[in-house]
Amino acid sequence: MTGEEVSGVELAVLENELVGDVTANSVEMTQSGAQTVRAQEVRLHQSGTQSIEAEKVTIRQGGAQYIQGGEVNLSQGGALAVRGETIALERSGALIISGQEVEVNRGGAGVLVAGKIKADEVRSIFIASGPIEGSVTTMMDQKSALALGAALGASLAFIYALRSIFTRRD
């Protein structure tokens, strides 16, 4: 079933297949690939997709470009962007994570935005969050981003002022 669409089924079970769009109540993929997956529940094992929209998403040793879900669990996998109410990453990473409650164990994120974070050995470039519980190493938090923005703004204003002084035409 290479490149075909799967839709209108209660349970879509894909094993060693490449498909286009998948729409079902529940989707289980093993060593498979799909472009778009839409379902109430999605389970991937050693599989990948371009995008997933589901109420519950579980990925083990797989990945997706974009994940939108209510509850997202990612174990030994990766994603470009993850958005959900409750997000849990175990030995996984994502470029952008946005959720109400985020738990990350031994993982990483480029940008992590959350209402609450529970972390264990997490590395991130930027974090904007409410309470953080656990160990997080970040290059930039909200305060340092504000300070950097103010410094860059002041520097640009100074350069603009110098430029206007030296390029005055009388």
N, C-alpha and C. Protein backbone atom coordinates (compact mmCIF):
# COMPACT_ATOMS: atom_id res chain seq x y z
N MET A 1 0.83 -1.19 0.00
CA MET A 1 0.00 0.00 0.00
C MET A 1 0.87 1.25 0.00
N THR A 2 1.70 1.43 -0.97
CA THR A 2 2.58 2.59 -1.01
C THR A 2 1.83 3.82 -1.50
N GLY A 3 1.84 4.88 -0.70
CA GLY A 3 1.27 6.15 -1.07
C GLY A 3 -0.25 6.23 -1.04
N GLU A 4 -0.93 5.17 -0.71
CA GLU A 4 -2.39 5.17 -0.68
C GLU A 4 -2.91 5.83 0.58
N GLU A 5 -4.19 6.17 0.56
CA GLU A 5 -4.84 6.73 1.74
C GLU A 5 -5.58 5.63 2.47
N VAL A 6 -5.60 5.78 3.80
CA VAL A 6 -6.37 4.86 4.64
C VAL A 6 -7.35 5.74 5.40
N SER A 7 -8.66 5.48 5.24
CA SER A 7 -9.64 6.31 5.96
C SER A 7 -10.93 5.54 6.19
N GLY A 8 -11.69 6.06 7.15
CA GLY A 8 -13.00 5.52 7.43
C GLY A 8 -13.02 4.19 8.15
N VAL A 9 -11.92 3.84 8.82
CA VAL A 9 -11.89 2.57 9.54
C VAL A 9 -11.80 2.84 11.04
N GLU A 10 -12.25 1.88 11.82
CA GLU A 10 -12.19 1.98 13.28
C GLU A 10 -10.73 1.88 13.75
N LEU A 11 -10.02 0.84 13.26
CA LEU A 11 -8.64 0.59 13.64
C LEU A 11 -7.80 0.40 12.39
N ALA A 12 -6.79 1.24 12.23
CA ALA A 12 -5.86 1.10 11.11
C ALA A 12 -4.55 0.55 11.66
N VAL A 13 -4.19 -0.66 11.24
CA VAL A 13 -2.95 -1.29 11.66
C VAL A 13 -2.02 -1.34 10.45
N LEU A 14 -0.90 -0.66 10.56
CA LEU A 14 0.06 -0.61 9.46
C LEU A 14 1.37 -1.22 9.92
N GLU A 15 1.88 -2.16 9.15
CA GLU A 15 3.15 -2.79 9.47
C GLU A 15 3.98 -2.88 8.20
N ASN A 16 5.17 -2.29 8.24
CA ASN A 16 6.09 -2.26 7.10
C ASN A 16 5.42 -1.67 5.86
N GLU A 17 4.72 -0.55 6.04
CA GLU A 17 4.01 0.07 4.92
C GLU A 17 4.32 1.56 4.86
N LEU A 18 4.23 2.11 3.65
CA LEU A 18 4.31 3.55 3.43
C LEU A 18 2.98 3.98 2.84
N VAL A 19 2.33 4.93 3.49
CA VAL A 19 1.02 5.38 3.04
C VAL A 19 0.98 6.90 3.02
N GLY A 20 -0.08 7.43 2.41
CA GLY A 20 -0.29 8.88 2.40
C GLY A 20 -0.96 9.32 3.68
N ASP A 21 -2.23 9.66 3.59
CA ASP A 21 -2.99 10.12 4.75
C ASP A 21 -3.72 8.96 5.41
N VAL A 22 -3.75 8.99 6.75
CA VAL A 22 -4.44 7.95 7.51
C VAL A 22 -5.45 8.64 8.42
N THR A 23 -6.72 8.23 8.31
CA THR A 23 -7.78 8.74 9.18
C THR A 23 -8.54 7.55 9.74
N ALA A 24 -8.56 7.44 11.06
CA ALA A 24 -9.25 6.32 11.71
C ALA A 24 -9.51 6.70 13.16
N ASN A 25 -10.28 5.90 13.85
CA ASN A 25 -10.49 6.13 15.27
C ASN A 25 -9.20 5.84 16.04
N SER A 26 -8.52 4.74 15.66
CA SER A 26 -7.27 4.35 16.30
C SER A 26 -6.28 3.93 15.22
N VAL A 27 -5.01 4.34 15.37
CA VAL A 27 -3.98 4.00 14.39
C VAL A 27 -2.79 3.38 15.11
N GLU A 28 -2.35 2.22 14.62
CA GLU A 28 -1.15 1.56 15.13
C GLU A 28 -0.19 1.37 13.96
N MET A 29 1.03 1.90 14.10
CA MET A 29 2.02 1.78 13.03
C MET A 29 3.29 1.15 13.57
N THR A 30 3.81 0.15 12.86
CA THR A 30 5.08 -0.48 13.21
C THR A 30 5.96 -0.50 11.97
N GLN A 31 7.13 0.08 12.09
CA GLN A 31 8.09 0.17 10.99
C GLN A 31 7.41 0.64 9.71
N SER A 32 6.66 1.72 9.86
CA SER A 32 5.88 2.25 8.74
C SER A 32 6.04 3.76 8.67
N GLY A 33 5.53 4.33 7.57
CA GLY A 33 5.57 5.76 7.39
C GLY A 33 4.28 6.27 6.80
N ALA A 34 3.92 7.51 7.18
CA ALA A 34 2.70 8.13 6.66
C ALA A 34 2.92 9.63 6.57
N GLN A 35 2.13 10.26 5.71
CA GLN A 35 2.22 11.71 5.63
C GLN A 35 1.45 12.36 6.77
N THR A 36 0.16 12.15 6.82
CA THR A 36 -0.68 12.76 7.86
C THR A 36 -1.49 11.67 8.55
N VAL A 37 -1.52 11.72 9.87
CA VAL A 37 -2.31 10.76 10.65
C VAL A 37 -3.29 11.55 11.51
N ARG A 38 -4.59 11.24 11.37
CA ARG A 38 -5.63 11.86 12.19
C ARG A 38 -6.43 10.75 12.85
N ALA A 39 -6.51 10.82 14.19
CA ALA A 39 -7.22 9.77 14.92
C ALA A 39 -7.47 10.23 16.35
N GLN A 40 -8.27 9.47 17.08
CA GLN A 40 -8.43 9.69 18.51
C GLN A 40 -7.17 9.24 19.23
N GLU A 41 -6.64 8.08 18.82
CA GLU A 41 -5.44 7.52 19.46
C GLU A 41 -4.47 7.04 18.38
N VAL A 42 -3.20 7.40 18.55
CA VAL A 42 -2.15 7.02 17.60
C VAL A 42 -1.01 6.39 18.38
N ARG A 43 -0.57 5.20 17.92
CA ARG A 43 0.60 4.52 18.50
C ARG A 43 1.58 4.19 17.38
N LEU A 44 2.81 4.71 17.53
CA LEU A 44 3.85 4.45 16.54
C LEU A 44 5.00 3.72 17.21
N HIS A 45 5.53 2.73 16.54
CA HIS A 45 6.73 2.03 16.99
C HIS A 45 7.66 1.91 15.79
N GLN A 46 8.83 2.50 15.93
CA GLN A 46 9.82 2.52 14.85
C GLN A 46 9.18 2.99 13.55
N SER A 47 8.42 4.07 13.65
CA SER A 47 7.69 4.61 12.51
C SER A 47 7.82 6.13 12.49
N GLY A 48 7.43 6.73 11.37
CA GLY A 48 7.51 8.17 11.25
C GLY A 48 6.38 8.74 10.43
N THR A 49 6.03 10.00 10.73
CA THR A 49 4.99 10.71 10.00
C THR A 49 5.39 12.16 9.84
N GLN A 50 4.74 12.81 8.88
CA GLN A 50 4.95 14.25 8.77
C GLN A 50 4.14 14.97 9.84
N SER A 51 2.86 14.58 10.02
CA SER A 51 2.07 15.25 11.06
C SER A 51 1.08 14.27 11.68
N ILE A 52 0.81 14.54 12.95
CA ILE A 52 -0.15 13.73 13.71
C ILE A 52 -1.10 14.69 14.43
N GLU A 53 -2.40 14.41 14.30
CA GLU A 53 -3.43 15.12 15.07
C GLU A 53 -4.25 14.05 15.77
N ALA A 54 -4.15 14.01 17.11
CA ALA A 54 -4.86 12.98 17.86
C ALA A 54 -5.05 13.43 19.31
N GLU A 55 -6.03 12.85 19.97
CA GLU A 55 -6.24 13.13 21.39
C GLU A 55 -5.13 12.49 22.23
N LYS A 56 -4.71 11.29 21.84
CA LYS A 56 -3.64 10.60 22.56
C LYS A 56 -2.62 10.09 21.55
N VAL A 57 -1.35 10.45 21.77
CA VAL A 57 -0.26 10.06 20.87
C VAL A 57 0.83 9.37 21.69
N THR A 58 1.23 8.17 21.25
CA THR A 58 2.34 7.45 21.88
C THR A 58 3.32 7.05 20.78
N ILE A 59 4.55 7.51 20.91
CA ILE A 59 5.59 7.19 19.93
C ILE A 59 6.77 6.57 20.66
N ARG A 60 7.19 5.41 20.20
CA ARG A 60 8.36 4.74 20.75
C ARG A 60 9.32 4.47 19.61
N GLN A 61 10.53 5.00 19.73
CA GLN A 61 11.57 4.85 18.71
C GLN A 61 11.05 5.27 17.34
N GLY A 62 10.50 6.46 17.29
CA GLY A 62 9.99 6.98 16.03
C GLY A 62 9.99 8.49 16.07
N GLY A 63 9.32 9.08 15.10
CA GLY A 63 9.30 10.52 15.09
C GLY A 63 8.25 11.09 14.17
N ALA A 64 8.08 12.40 14.29
CA ALA A 64 7.14 13.14 13.47
C ALA A 64 7.64 14.57 13.34
N GLN A 65 7.27 15.20 12.24
CA GLN A 65 7.61 16.60 12.11
C GLN A 65 6.76 17.45 13.04
N TYR A 66 5.44 17.21 13.03
CA TYR A 66 4.53 18.01 13.85
C TYR A 66 3.55 17.09 14.57
N ILE A 67 3.42 17.30 15.87
CA ILE A 67 2.48 16.52 16.67
C ILE A 67 1.55 17.47 17.39
N GLN A 68 0.24 17.29 17.21
CA GLN A 68 -0.78 18.06 17.92
C GLN A 68 -1.65 17.06 18.66
N GLY A 69 -1.66 17.13 19.99
CA GLY A 69 -2.44 16.15 20.74
C GLY A 69 -2.84 16.64 22.11
N GLY A 70 -3.77 15.93 22.70
CA GLY A 70 -4.14 16.22 24.08
C GLY A 70 -3.08 15.68 25.03
N GLU A 71 -2.79 14.38 24.88
CA GLU A 71 -1.75 13.72 25.67
C GLU A 71 -0.73 13.14 24.70
N VAL A 72 0.53 13.57 24.85
CA VAL A 72 1.60 13.13 23.94
C VAL A 72 2.70 12.47 24.75
N ASN A 73 3.05 11.23 24.38
CA ASN A 73 4.15 10.50 25.00
C ASN A 73 5.16 10.13 23.92
N LEU A 74 6.39 10.57 24.10
CA LEU A 74 7.44 10.34 23.12
C LEU A 74 8.61 9.68 23.85
N SER A 75 8.95 8.45 23.44
CA SER A 75 10.02 7.70 24.09
C SER A 75 11.07 7.30 23.05
N GLN A 76 12.29 7.72 23.27
CA GLN A 76 13.40 7.44 22.36
C GLN A 76 13.05 7.86 20.94
N GLY A 77 12.52 9.08 20.82
CA GLY A 77 12.12 9.57 19.51
C GLY A 77 12.40 11.05 19.37
N GLY A 78 11.89 11.60 18.30
CA GLY A 78 12.12 13.01 18.06
C GLY A 78 10.99 13.64 17.26
N ALA A 79 10.92 14.96 17.35
CA ALA A 79 9.91 15.72 16.62
C ALA A 79 10.44 17.13 16.40
N LEU A 80 9.95 17.76 15.34
CA LEU A 80 10.28 19.17 15.15
C LEU A 80 9.44 20.03 16.09
N ALA A 81 8.15 19.77 16.14
CA ALA A 81 7.27 20.56 17.00
C ALA A 81 6.23 19.66 17.66
N VAL A 82 6.04 19.87 18.97
CA VAL A 82 5.05 19.12 19.73
C VAL A 82 4.17 20.12 20.47
N ARG A 83 2.86 19.96 20.29
CA ARG A 83 1.91 20.84 20.98
C ARG A 83 0.84 19.97 21.61
N GLY A 84 0.59 20.17 22.91
CA GLY A 84 -0.41 19.36 23.58
C GLY A 84 -0.70 19.87 24.97
N GLU A 85 -1.71 19.27 25.60
CA GLU A 85 -2.06 19.61 26.98
C GLU A 85 -1.02 19.02 27.93
N THR A 86 -0.82 17.69 27.83
CA THR A 86 0.13 16.98 28.67
C THR A 86 1.15 16.31 27.75
N ILE A 87 2.42 16.63 27.96
CA ILE A 87 3.48 16.11 27.10
C ILE A 87 4.53 15.44 27.97
N ALA A 88 4.93 14.22 27.59
CA ALA A 88 5.97 13.49 28.31
C ALA A 88 7.00 13.00 27.30
N LEU A 89 8.28 13.35 27.54
CA LEU A 89 9.37 12.89 26.69
C LEU A 89 10.35 12.09 27.54
N GLU A 90 10.73 10.94 27.05
CA GLU A 90 11.69 10.06 27.73
C GLU A 90 12.82 9.78 26.75
N ARG A 91 14.02 10.27 27.06
CA ARG A 91 15.18 10.11 26.17
C ARG A 91 14.82 10.52 24.75
N SER A 92 14.19 11.68 24.65
CA SER A 92 13.70 12.16 23.36
C SER A 92 13.99 13.65 23.24
N GLY A 93 13.77 14.18 22.05
CA GLY A 93 13.99 15.59 21.84
C GLY A 93 13.04 16.18 20.83
N ALA A 94 12.87 17.49 20.92
CA ALA A 94 12.02 18.22 19.98
C ALA A 94 12.57 19.64 19.85
N LEU A 95 12.44 20.20 18.68
CA LEU A 95 12.90 21.56 18.47
C LEU A 95 12.01 22.54 19.23
N ILE A 96 10.69 22.35 19.14
CA ILE A 96 9.75 23.23 19.83
C ILE A 96 8.75 22.37 20.61
N ILE A 97 8.56 22.68 21.88
CA ILE A 97 7.57 22.00 22.72
C ILE A 97 6.70 23.06 23.36
N SER A 98 5.37 22.88 23.24
CA SER A 98 4.43 23.81 23.85
C SER A 98 3.30 23.01 24.49
N GLY A 99 3.14 23.15 25.82
CA GLY A 99 2.10 22.40 26.50
C GLY A 99 1.78 22.98 27.86
N GLN A 100 0.67 22.54 28.44
CA GLN A 100 0.30 22.97 29.78
C GLN A 100 1.19 22.32 30.82
N GLU A 101 1.30 20.99 30.76
CA GLU A 101 2.17 20.25 31.67
C GLU A 101 3.15 19.44 30.84
N VAL A 102 4.43 19.68 31.07
CA VAL A 102 5.47 19.01 30.29
C VAL A 102 6.42 18.29 31.24
N GLU A 103 6.66 17.02 30.94
CA GLU A 103 7.63 16.23 31.71
C GLU A 103 8.67 15.71 30.73
N VAL A 104 9.95 16.00 31.04
CA VAL A 104 11.03 15.56 30.17
C VAL A 104 12.09 14.87 31.03
N ASN A 105 12.41 13.64 30.67
CA ASN A 105 13.45 12.88 31.36
C ASN A 105 14.57 12.57 30.37
N ARG A 106 15.74 13.10 30.67
CA ARG A 106 16.92 12.88 29.84
C ARG A 106 16.65 13.19 28.38
N GLY A 107 16.22 14.41 28.15
CA GLY A 107 15.89 14.82 26.79
C GLY A 107 16.28 16.25 26.55
N GLY A 108 15.84 16.77 25.42
CA GLY A 108 16.19 18.13 25.08
C GLY A 108 15.14 18.80 24.24
N ALA A 109 15.21 20.13 24.24
CA ALA A 109 14.28 20.94 23.45
C ALA A 109 14.99 22.22 23.06
N GLY A 110 14.71 22.68 21.86
CA GLY A 110 15.23 23.98 21.46
C GLY A 110 14.50 25.07 22.20
N VAL A 111 13.18 25.10 22.04
CA VAL A 111 12.32 26.06 22.72
C VAL A 111 11.28 25.27 23.50
N LEU A 112 11.17 25.56 24.79
CA LEU A 112 10.24 24.85 25.66
C LEU A 112 9.34 25.87 26.34
N VAL A 113 8.05 25.84 25.99
CA VAL A 113 7.06 26.76 26.56
C VAL A 113 6.01 25.92 27.26
N ALA A 114 5.84 26.14 28.57
CA ALA A 114 4.92 25.30 29.33
C ALA A 114 4.37 26.04 30.53
N GLY A 115 3.20 25.61 30.96
CA GLY A 115 2.63 26.14 32.20
C GLY A 115 3.39 25.60 33.39
N LYS A 116 3.80 24.33 33.31
CA LYS A 116 4.52 23.67 34.40
C LYS A 116 5.46 22.64 33.79
N ILE A 117 6.69 22.56 34.32
CA ILE A 117 7.68 21.62 33.80
C ILE A 117 8.20 20.75 34.93
N LYS A 118 8.24 19.45 34.67
CA LYS A 118 8.89 18.49 35.55
C LYS A 118 10.03 17.90 34.72
N ALA A 119 11.27 18.01 35.24
CA ALA A 119 12.41 17.67 34.41
C ALA A 119 13.46 16.87 35.16
N ASP A 120 14.17 16.05 34.39
CA ASP A 120 15.32 15.31 34.89
C ASP A 120 16.36 15.27 33.78
N GLU A 121 17.46 15.98 33.99
CA GLU A 121 18.54 16.07 33.01
C GLU A 121 18.04 16.54 31.65
N VAL A 122 17.52 17.76 31.64
CA VAL A 122 16.98 18.35 30.42
C VAL A 122 17.88 19.49 29.96
N ARG A 123 18.10 19.56 28.66
CA ARG A 123 18.88 20.64 28.06
C ARG A 123 17.97 21.40 27.09
N SER A 124 18.08 22.73 27.13
CA SER A 124 17.23 23.56 26.28
C SER A 124 17.95 24.85 25.93
N ILE A 125 17.56 25.44 24.82
CA ILE A 125 18.11 26.74 24.44
C ILE A 125 17.32 27.85 25.12
N PHE A 126 15.99 27.76 25.06
CA PHE A 126 15.13 28.79 25.65
C PHE A 126 13.96 28.13 26.36
N ILE A 127 13.67 28.61 27.56
CA ILE A 127 12.52 28.12 28.32
C ILE A 127 11.68 29.30 28.80
N ALA A 128 10.37 29.20 28.56
CA ALA A 128 9.39 30.14 29.12
C ALA A 128 8.37 29.27 29.83
N SER A 129 8.33 29.37 31.16
CA SER A 129 7.50 28.44 31.91
C SER A 129 7.06 29.01 33.24
N GLY A 130 6.05 28.36 33.77
CA GLY A 130 5.66 28.59 35.16
C GLY A 130 6.64 27.83 36.03
N PRO A 131 6.16 27.15 37.06
CA PRO A 131 7.07 26.43 37.96
C PRO A 131 7.85 25.32 37.25
N ILE A 132 9.14 25.22 37.60
CA ILE A 132 10.00 24.17 37.05
C ILE A 132 10.48 23.31 38.21
N GLU A 133 10.24 22.01 38.10
CA GLU A 133 10.66 21.06 39.12
C GLU A 133 11.72 20.14 38.50
N GLY A 134 12.90 20.11 39.08
CA GLY A 134 13.94 19.22 38.57
C GLY A 134 15.11 19.97 37.97
N SER A 135 15.98 19.20 37.28
CA SER A 135 17.22 19.77 36.74
C SER A 135 17.09 20.10 35.25
N VAL A 136 17.26 21.40 34.97
CA VAL A 136 17.20 21.89 33.60
C VAL A 136 18.42 22.76 33.34
N THR A 137 19.09 22.50 32.23
CA THR A 137 20.19 23.34 31.80
C THR A 137 19.71 24.10 30.57
N THR A 138 19.68 25.42 30.67
CA THR A 138 19.19 26.23 29.57
C THR A 138 20.16 27.35 29.24
N MET A 139 20.23 27.70 27.98
CA MET A 139 21.08 28.81 27.57
C MET A 139 20.40 30.14 27.88
N MET A 140 19.06 30.16 27.80
CA MET A 140 18.37 31.42 27.96
C MET A 140 16.98 31.18 28.57
N ASP A 141 16.70 31.91 29.65
CA ASP A 141 15.35 31.87 30.21
C ASP A 141 14.66 33.20 29.91
N GLN A 142 13.50 33.44 30.50
CA GLN A 142 12.75 34.66 30.21
C GLN A 142 13.53 35.91 30.59
N LYS A 143 14.21 35.89 31.73
CA LYS A 143 14.95 37.08 32.19
C LYS A 143 16.14 37.37 31.28
N SER A 144 16.90 36.35 30.92
CA SER A 144 18.06 36.59 30.07
C SER A 144 17.63 36.98 28.66
N ALA A 145 16.49 36.46 28.17
CA ALA A 145 15.99 36.86 26.85
C ALA A 145 15.59 38.33 26.86
N LEU A 146 14.97 38.78 27.96
CA LEU A 146 14.59 40.19 28.09
C LEU A 146 15.84 41.07 28.13
N ALA A 147 16.84 40.65 28.89
CA ALA A 147 18.09 41.42 28.97
C ALA A 147 18.79 41.47 27.61
N LEU A 148 18.81 40.35 26.90
CA LEU A 148 19.44 40.32 25.58
C LEU A 148 18.69 41.23 24.61
N GLY A 149 17.36 41.19 24.65
CA GLY A 149 16.55 42.06 23.79
C GLY A 149 16.79 43.53 24.08
N ALA A 150 16.88 43.88 25.36
CA ALA A 150 17.14 45.27 25.74
C ALA A 150 18.52 45.70 25.27
N ALA A 151 19.51 44.83 25.44
CA ALA A 151 20.87 45.16 25.00
C ALA A 151 20.94 45.32 23.48
N LEU A 152 20.31 44.44 22.76
CA LEU A 152 20.31 44.56 21.30
C LEU A 152 19.57 45.82 20.85
N GLY A 153 18.44 46.12 21.50
CA GLY A 153 17.70 47.34 21.17
C GLY A 153 18.53 48.59 21.43
N ALA A 154 19.21 48.64 22.57
CA ALA A 154 20.05 49.79 22.89
C ALA A 154 21.21 49.91 21.90
N SER A 155 21.80 48.78 21.54
CA SER A 155 22.91 48.79 20.57
C SER A 155 22.45 49.29 19.21
N LEU A 156 21.31 48.83 18.76
CA LEU A 156 20.79 49.29 17.46
C LEU A 156 20.45 50.78 17.50
N ALA A 157 19.88 51.24 18.61
CA ALA A 157 19.58 52.67 18.75
C ALA A 157 20.86 53.50 18.71
N PHE A 158 21.91 53.02 19.37
CA PHE A 158 23.20 53.73 19.37
C PHE A 158 23.79 53.77 17.96
N ILE A 159 23.77 52.66 17.26
CA ILE A 159 24.30 52.61 15.90
C ILE A 159 23.50 53.53 14.98
N TYR A 160 22.17 53.53 15.12
CA TYR A 160 21.33 54.40 14.30
C TYR A 160 21.64 55.87 14.59
N ALA A 161 21.84 56.21 15.86
CA ALA A 161 22.17 57.59 16.23
C ALA A 161 23.51 58.00 15.63
N LEU A 162 24.53 57.13 15.72
CA LEU A 162 25.84 57.44 15.12
C LEU A 162 25.72 57.60 13.61
N ARG A 163 24.97 56.73 13.00
CA ARG A 163 24.81 56.79 11.55
C ARG A 163 24.15 58.11 11.13
N SER A 164 23.14 58.53 11.89
CA SER A 164 22.46 59.77 11.53
C SER A 164 23.37 60.98 11.75
N ILE A 165 24.27 60.92 12.73
CA ILE A 165 25.21 62.03 12.97
C ILE A 165 26.22 62.12 11.82
N PHE A 166 26.76 60.99 11.40
CA PHE A 166 27.82 60.98 10.39
C PHE A 166 27.30 61.06 8.95
N THR A 167 26.06 60.86 8.74
CA THR A 167 25.53 60.92 7.37
C THR A 167 24.62 62.13 7.19
N ARG A 168 24.74 63.10 8.07
CA ARG A 168 23.93 64.31 7.96
C ARG A 168 24.30 65.08 6.73
N ARG A 169 23.31 65.53 6.03
CA ARG A 169 23.56 66.31 4.81
C ARG A 169 23.11 67.75 5.08
N ASP A 170 24.06 68.63 5.04
CA ASP A 170 23.74 70.06 5.28
C ASP A 170 23.57 70.81 4.02
